[in-house]
Amino acid sequence: QVQLVESGGGLVQAGGSLRLSCKASGRAFRNYSVAWFRRVLGKEREFLAGITWGGGSTLYKDSVKGRFTISRDDAKNAAFLQMNNLKPEDTAVYFCAAQGSGYGSRWYSDFNWGYWGQGTQVTVSS
C-alpha cells in the first residue's frame, strides 16, 4: 500500500514558478511509475507528466512541455513537478499518482493509475 501527499501549491502571479512535491509512504514507491495530473474546475482530470520507475523515461502533455519538469528522488520517496512560466489557465487542483500501468498513451487515462494523493490547489493570477 502506498499513500501519497502533495504539497507546494499556492497562489502565484502569471510568469512565476512553483515546485510541487509528492511524498510517498511505503518502499514500493520506488518500483512504480509516477505522474502528475490536474483538474481544472468543471473539467475532467488530465495527465500532465509521468516518469518511469528509476527515472529513465519521462512523458509530457504537449501543452506543458518545456514549462513543466517531472523528477523523482527515490531515496526520499518523493516526486516533484517544477512548473515555470505559469499561466492563469494552469489554475487547477494538481494530483500525484503512482503505479501506472504500461507506458505512453496508457498513462493519459487516470484509470491506469493505482494510487492517488488528495491534491493541492494551484492558482495563477493574471
N, C-alpha and C. Protein backbone atom coordinates (compact mmCIF):
# COMPACT_ATOMS: atom_id res chain seq x y z
N GLN A 1 0.85 -1.19 0.00
CA GLN A 1 0.00 0.00 0.00
C GLN A 1 0.89 1.24 0.00
N VAL A 2 0.53 2.20 -0.80
CA VAL A 2 1.27 3.45 -0.89
C VAL A 2 0.31 4.60 -0.66
N GLN A 3 0.72 5.54 0.18
CA GLN A 3 -0.05 6.76 0.38
C GLN A 3 0.75 7.93 -0.15
N LEU A 4 0.06 8.84 -0.82
CA LEU A 4 0.71 9.98 -1.47
C LEU A 4 0.16 11.27 -0.89
N VAL A 5 1.06 12.21 -0.61
CA VAL A 5 0.64 13.51 -0.09
C VAL A 5 1.33 14.60 -0.90
N GLU A 6 0.53 15.43 -1.55
CA GLU A 6 1.07 16.54 -2.33
C GLU A 6 1.23 17.79 -1.47
N SER A 7 2.16 18.62 -1.85
CA SER A 7 2.35 19.92 -1.20
C SER A 7 3.01 20.86 -2.19
N GLY A 8 3.05 22.13 -1.84
CA GLY A 8 3.74 23.10 -2.67
C GLY A 8 2.84 23.98 -3.50
N GLY A 9 1.54 23.71 -3.46
CA GLY A 9 0.62 24.55 -4.20
C GLY A 9 0.47 25.91 -3.54
N GLY A 10 -0.22 26.80 -4.23
CA GLY A 10 -0.44 28.13 -3.68
C GLY A 10 -0.85 29.11 -4.75
N LEU A 11 -0.74 30.38 -4.41
CA LEU A 11 -1.10 31.48 -5.30
C LEU A 11 0.18 32.09 -5.86
N VAL A 12 0.22 32.24 -7.19
CA VAL A 12 1.40 32.80 -7.85
C VAL A 12 0.93 33.68 -9.00
N GLN A 13 1.71 34.68 -9.33
CA GLN A 13 1.38 35.54 -10.46
C GLN A 13 1.79 34.88 -11.77
N ALA A 14 1.11 35.26 -12.82
CA ALA A 14 1.46 34.74 -14.14
C ALA A 14 2.93 35.01 -14.44
N GLY A 15 3.58 34.00 -15.01
CA GLY A 15 5.00 34.09 -15.27
C GLY A 15 5.87 33.54 -14.16
N GLY A 16 5.26 33.28 -13.02
CA GLY A 16 6.00 32.77 -11.87
C GLY A 16 6.19 31.27 -11.91
N SER A 17 6.78 30.74 -10.85
CA SER A 17 7.10 29.32 -10.77
C SER A 17 6.63 28.74 -9.44
N LEU A 18 6.36 27.44 -9.47
CA LEU A 18 6.07 26.67 -8.27
C LEU A 18 6.69 25.30 -8.43
N ARG A 19 7.04 24.70 -7.30
CA ARG A 19 7.54 23.33 -7.30
C ARG A 19 6.64 22.50 -6.40
N LEU A 20 5.92 21.58 -7.01
CA LEU A 20 5.06 20.68 -6.26
C LEU A 20 5.84 19.45 -5.82
N SER A 21 5.51 18.98 -4.64
CA SER A 21 6.14 17.77 -4.11
C SER A 21 5.07 16.71 -3.85
N CYS A 22 5.48 15.47 -4.01
CA CYS A 22 4.62 14.32 -3.74
C CYS A 22 5.42 13.39 -2.84
N LYS A 23 5.02 13.31 -1.58
CA LYS A 23 5.72 12.48 -0.62
C LYS A 23 4.96 11.17 -0.45
N ALA A 24 5.69 10.06 -0.60
CA ALA A 24 5.05 8.75 -0.54
C ALA A 24 5.45 7.98 0.71
N SER A 25 4.54 7.16 1.19
CA SER A 25 4.85 6.21 2.24
C SER A 25 4.99 4.85 1.61
N GLY A 26 5.83 4.00 2.16
CA GLY A 26 5.98 2.65 1.63
C GLY A 26 7.14 2.54 0.65
N ARG A 27 7.94 1.49 0.82
CA ARG A 27 9.12 1.32 -0.02
C ARG A 27 8.77 0.93 -1.45
N ALA A 28 7.56 0.48 -1.69
CA ALA A 28 7.15 0.07 -3.04
C ALA A 28 7.16 1.25 -4.01
N PHE A 29 7.14 2.45 -3.49
CA PHE A 29 7.08 3.65 -4.34
C PHE A 29 8.17 3.64 -5.39
N ARG A 30 9.36 3.20 -5.03
CA ARG A 30 10.48 3.25 -5.97
C ARG A 30 10.29 2.29 -7.15
N ASN A 31 9.38 1.35 -7.01
CA ASN A 31 9.12 0.38 -8.09
C ASN A 31 7.99 0.82 -9.02
N TYR A 32 7.42 1.97 -8.75
CA TYR A 32 6.27 2.43 -9.51
C TYR A 32 6.61 3.62 -10.39
N SER A 33 5.97 3.70 -11.54
CA SER A 33 5.98 4.94 -12.28
C SER A 33 5.13 5.96 -11.51
N VAL A 34 5.38 7.23 -11.77
CA VAL A 34 4.70 8.31 -11.06
C VAL A 34 4.25 9.36 -12.08
N ALA A 35 3.14 9.98 -11.81
CA ALA A 35 2.63 11.01 -12.73
C ALA A 35 2.00 12.16 -11.96
N TRP A 36 1.86 13.25 -12.68
CA TRP A 36 1.10 14.40 -12.18
C TRP A 36 -0.08 14.63 -13.13
N PHE A 37 -1.23 14.85 -12.53
CA PHE A 37 -2.46 15.20 -13.23
C PHE A 37 -2.96 16.52 -12.65
N ARG A 38 -3.91 17.11 -13.33
CA ARG A 38 -4.60 18.26 -12.75
C ARG A 38 -6.07 18.25 -13.18
N ARG A 39 -6.87 18.90 -12.36
CA ARG A 39 -8.28 19.05 -12.70
C ARG A 39 -8.67 20.51 -12.60
N VAL A 40 -8.98 21.07 -13.74
CA VAL A 40 -9.49 22.42 -13.81
C VAL A 40 -10.96 22.38 -13.43
N LEU A 41 -11.43 23.39 -12.72
CA LEU A 41 -12.82 23.43 -12.26
C LEU A 41 -13.78 23.19 -13.42
N GLY A 42 -14.64 22.20 -13.26
CA GLY A 42 -15.64 21.89 -14.26
C GLY A 42 -15.17 20.99 -15.38
N LYS A 43 -13.92 20.55 -15.32
CA LYS A 43 -13.38 19.68 -16.36
C LYS A 43 -12.87 18.37 -15.77
N GLU A 44 -12.58 17.42 -16.63
CA GLU A 44 -12.05 16.14 -16.18
C GLU A 44 -10.56 16.28 -15.85
N ARG A 45 -10.11 15.35 -15.03
CA ARG A 45 -8.70 15.32 -14.66
C ARG A 45 -7.86 14.98 -15.90
N GLU A 46 -6.75 15.69 -16.07
CA GLU A 46 -5.93 15.48 -17.25
C GLU A 46 -4.48 15.17 -16.86
N PHE A 47 -3.87 14.31 -17.65
CA PHE A 47 -2.47 13.94 -17.47
C PHE A 47 -1.57 15.11 -17.86
N LEU A 48 -0.52 15.32 -17.06
CA LEU A 48 0.46 16.36 -17.36
C LEU A 48 1.84 15.79 -17.66
N ALA A 49 2.31 14.92 -16.79
CA ALA A 49 3.68 14.41 -16.92
C ALA A 49 3.81 13.11 -16.15
N GLY A 50 4.66 12.23 -16.65
CA GLY A 50 4.91 10.96 -15.98
C GLY A 50 6.38 10.60 -16.06
N ILE A 51 6.80 9.77 -15.11
CA ILE A 51 8.19 9.34 -15.07
C ILE A 51 8.20 7.87 -14.67
N THR A 52 9.06 7.09 -15.34
CA THR A 52 9.11 5.66 -15.06
C THR A 52 9.84 5.38 -13.75
N TRP A 53 9.67 4.15 -13.24
CA TRP A 53 10.44 3.77 -12.06
C TRP A 53 11.91 3.82 -12.43
N GLY A 54 12.72 4.33 -11.54
CA GLY A 54 14.13 4.54 -11.84
C GLY A 54 14.40 5.86 -12.53
N GLY A 55 13.38 6.51 -13.03
CA GLY A 55 13.54 7.84 -13.64
C GLY A 55 14.12 7.84 -15.04
N GLY A 56 14.16 6.69 -15.71
CA GLY A 56 14.82 6.63 -17.00
C GLY A 56 14.08 7.30 -18.15
N SER A 57 12.75 7.37 -18.05
CA SER A 57 11.97 7.95 -19.14
C SER A 57 10.90 8.87 -18.57
N THR A 58 10.60 9.92 -19.33
CA THR A 58 9.53 10.84 -18.96
C THR A 58 8.61 11.05 -20.14
N LEU A 59 7.41 11.52 -19.84
CA LEU A 59 6.41 11.78 -20.86
C LEU A 59 5.65 13.02 -20.43
N TYR A 60 5.36 13.92 -21.38
CA TYR A 60 4.69 15.17 -21.06
C TYR A 60 3.52 15.41 -22.00
N LYS A 61 2.51 16.04 -21.46
CA LYS A 61 1.43 16.58 -22.29
C LYS A 61 2.02 17.73 -23.09
N ASP A 62 1.63 17.86 -24.34
CA ASP A 62 2.23 18.85 -25.22
C ASP A 62 2.13 20.27 -24.67
N SER A 63 1.02 20.59 -24.03
CA SER A 63 0.79 21.97 -23.60
C SER A 63 1.69 22.40 -22.45
N VAL A 64 2.34 21.45 -21.77
CA VAL A 64 3.22 21.82 -20.68
C VAL A 64 4.68 21.51 -20.97
N LYS A 65 4.93 20.89 -22.10
CA LYS A 65 6.30 20.54 -22.47
C LYS A 65 7.15 21.80 -22.56
N GLY A 66 8.31 21.78 -21.93
CA GLY A 66 9.18 22.95 -21.93
C GLY A 66 8.93 23.89 -20.76
N ARG A 67 7.77 23.78 -20.10
CA ARG A 67 7.47 24.62 -18.94
C ARG A 67 7.49 23.81 -17.65
N PHE A 68 7.03 22.56 -17.70
CA PHE A 68 6.95 21.69 -16.53
C PHE A 68 8.01 20.60 -16.63
N THR A 69 8.59 20.24 -15.49
CA THR A 69 9.57 19.17 -15.43
C THR A 69 9.25 18.23 -14.27
N ILE A 70 9.12 16.96 -14.58
CA ILE A 70 8.86 15.96 -13.55
C ILE A 70 10.18 15.31 -13.16
N SER A 71 10.33 15.01 -11.89
CA SER A 71 11.52 14.33 -11.40
C SER A 71 11.15 13.49 -10.18
N ARG A 72 12.07 12.67 -9.75
CA ARG A 72 11.82 11.86 -8.56
C ARG A 72 13.12 11.65 -7.80
N ASP A 73 12.98 11.45 -6.50
CA ASP A 73 14.11 11.15 -5.64
C ASP A 73 13.68 9.95 -4.79
N ASP A 74 14.04 8.76 -5.23
CA ASP A 74 13.58 7.56 -4.54
C ASP A 74 14.20 7.40 -3.16
N ALA A 75 15.35 8.01 -2.94
CA ALA A 75 15.95 7.96 -1.61
C ALA A 75 15.08 8.70 -0.59
N LYS A 76 14.33 9.68 -1.08
CA LYS A 76 13.43 10.45 -0.23
C LYS A 76 11.98 10.03 -0.41
N ASN A 77 11.75 9.00 -1.24
CA ASN A 77 10.38 8.56 -1.50
C ASN A 77 9.51 9.73 -1.96
N ALA A 78 10.01 10.47 -2.93
CA ALA A 78 9.30 11.67 -3.35
C ALA A 78 9.40 11.88 -4.85
N ALA A 79 8.44 12.60 -5.36
CA ALA A 79 8.44 13.04 -6.75
C ALA A 79 8.11 14.53 -6.76
N PHE A 80 8.47 15.17 -7.87
CA PHE A 80 8.32 16.62 -7.93
C PHE A 80 7.80 17.04 -9.30
N LEU A 81 7.19 18.21 -9.33
CA LEU A 81 6.80 18.84 -10.58
C LEU A 81 7.22 20.30 -10.50
N GLN A 82 8.24 20.63 -11.26
CA GLN A 82 8.68 22.02 -11.35
C GLN A 82 7.88 22.69 -12.45
N MET A 83 7.21 23.77 -12.10
CA MET A 83 6.34 24.47 -13.05
C MET A 83 6.85 25.89 -13.22
N ASN A 84 7.23 26.23 -14.44
CA ASN A 84 7.75 27.57 -14.75
C ASN A 84 6.83 28.29 -15.72
N ASN A 85 6.97 29.59 -15.78
CA ASN A 85 6.17 30.41 -16.70
C ASN A 85 4.68 30.06 -16.58
N LEU A 86 4.19 30.07 -15.38
CA LEU A 86 2.80 29.69 -15.14
C LEU A 86 1.83 30.69 -15.75
N LYS A 87 0.70 30.16 -16.21
CA LYS A 87 -0.33 30.95 -16.86
C LYS A 87 -1.63 30.82 -16.07
N PRO A 88 -2.53 31.78 -16.21
CA PRO A 88 -3.82 31.68 -15.50
C PRO A 88 -4.56 30.38 -15.81
N GLU A 89 -4.42 29.86 -17.02
CA GLU A 89 -5.09 28.62 -17.38
C GLU A 89 -4.48 27.39 -16.73
N ASP A 90 -3.37 27.56 -16.00
CA ASP A 90 -2.79 26.46 -15.23
C ASP A 90 -3.46 26.33 -13.86
N THR A 91 -4.36 27.25 -13.54
CA THR A 91 -5.08 27.18 -12.27
C THR A 91 -5.90 25.90 -12.20
N ALA A 92 -5.65 25.10 -11.17
CA ALA A 92 -6.29 23.79 -11.06
C ALA A 92 -5.88 23.15 -9.74
N VAL A 93 -6.51 22.00 -9.46
CA VAL A 93 -6.03 21.13 -8.38
C VAL A 93 -5.08 20.12 -9.01
N TYR A 94 -3.90 20.00 -8.46
CA TYR A 94 -2.86 19.12 -9.00
C TYR A 94 -2.73 17.87 -8.14
N PHE A 95 -2.70 16.72 -8.82
CA PHE A 95 -2.67 15.42 -8.16
C PHE A 95 -1.42 14.64 -8.54
N CYS A 96 -0.90 13.93 -7.58
CA CYS A 96 0.16 12.97 -7.80
C CYS A 96 -0.45 11.58 -7.89
N ALA A 97 0.08 10.74 -8.80
CA ALA A 97 -0.40 9.37 -8.94
C ALA A 97 0.79 8.43 -9.05
N ALA A 98 0.60 7.21 -8.62
CA ALA A 98 1.66 6.20 -8.70
C ALA A 98 1.08 4.87 -9.15
N GLN A 99 1.98 3.97 -9.52
CA GLN A 99 1.62 2.64 -10.00
C GLN A 99 0.87 2.74 -11.33
N GLY A 100 1.50 3.36 -12.30
CA GLY A 100 0.90 3.44 -13.62
C GLY A 100 1.04 2.14 -14.36
N SER A 101 0.04 1.83 -15.17
CA SER A 101 0.03 0.61 -15.97
C SER A 101 0.58 0.92 -17.35
N GLY A 102 1.61 0.15 -17.78
CA GLY A 102 2.14 0.34 -19.12
C GLY A 102 2.94 1.61 -19.23
N TYR A 103 2.89 2.18 -20.44
CA TYR A 103 3.65 3.41 -20.73
C TYR A 103 2.96 4.12 -21.90
N GLY A 104 3.39 5.33 -22.15
CA GLY A 104 2.88 6.06 -23.30
C GLY A 104 1.44 6.49 -23.12
N SER A 105 0.64 6.28 -24.14
CA SER A 105 -0.72 6.79 -24.14
C SER A 105 -1.57 6.18 -23.02
N ARG A 106 -1.18 5.01 -22.52
CA ARG A 106 -1.94 4.41 -21.40
C ARG A 106 -1.87 5.31 -20.18
N TRP A 107 -0.82 6.05 -20.03
CA TRP A 107 -0.69 6.92 -18.87
C TRP A 107 -1.68 8.07 -18.89
N TYR A 108 -2.23 8.40 -20.02
CA TYR A 108 -3.11 9.56 -20.14
C TYR A 108 -4.44 9.34 -19.40
N SER A 109 -4.80 8.08 -19.20
CA SER A 109 -6.06 7.79 -18.53
C SER A 109 -5.84 7.58 -17.04
N ASP A 110 -6.63 8.26 -16.22
CA ASP A 110 -6.44 8.09 -14.79
C ASP A 110 -6.90 6.71 -14.31
N PHE A 111 -7.61 5.95 -15.16
CA PHE A 111 -7.99 4.59 -14.79
C PHE A 111 -6.77 3.67 -14.67
N ASN A 112 -5.67 4.07 -15.28
CA ASN A 112 -4.49 3.22 -15.31
C ASN A 112 -3.49 3.53 -14.20
N TRP A 113 -3.96 4.26 -13.19
CA TRP A 113 -3.09 4.59 -12.05
C TRP A 113 -3.72 4.07 -10.78
N GLY A 114 -2.88 3.43 -9.95
CA GLY A 114 -3.42 2.73 -8.79
C GLY A 114 -3.54 3.56 -7.52
N TYR A 115 -2.67 4.53 -7.34
CA TYR A 115 -2.66 5.31 -6.10
C TYR A 115 -2.71 6.79 -6.43
N TRP A 116 -3.43 7.52 -5.56
CA TRP A 116 -3.62 8.96 -5.77
C TRP A 116 -3.44 9.71 -4.48
N GLY A 117 -2.92 10.94 -4.61
CA GLY A 117 -2.92 11.85 -3.49
C GLY A 117 -4.22 12.62 -3.44
N GLN A 118 -4.33 13.48 -2.46
CA GLN A 118 -5.58 14.23 -2.26
C GLN A 118 -5.63 15.52 -3.07
N GLY A 119 -4.49 15.94 -3.61
CA GLY A 119 -4.44 17.11 -4.46
C GLY A 119 -3.98 18.36 -3.73
N THR A 120 -3.43 19.29 -4.50
CA THR A 120 -3.01 20.58 -3.96
C THR A 120 -3.43 21.66 -4.95
N GLN A 121 -3.98 22.74 -4.44
CA GLN A 121 -4.51 23.81 -5.29
C GLN A 121 -3.39 24.72 -5.77
N VAL A 122 -3.42 24.99 -7.07
CA VAL A 122 -2.53 25.98 -7.67
C VAL A 122 -3.40 27.06 -8.31
N THR A 123 -3.16 28.30 -7.95
CA THR A 123 -3.92 29.42 -8.51
C THR A 123 -2.93 30.41 -9.10
N VAL A 124 -3.13 30.72 -10.38
CA VAL A 124 -2.24 31.65 -11.09
C VAL A 124 -3.05 32.90 -11.42
N SER A 125 -2.63 34.02 -10.90
CA SER A 125 -3.34 35.28 -11.13
C SER A 125 -2.73 36.01 -12.33
N SER A 126 -3.59 36.73 -13.02
CA SER A 126 -3.13 37.44 -14.22
C SER A 126 -2.62 38.83 -13.88
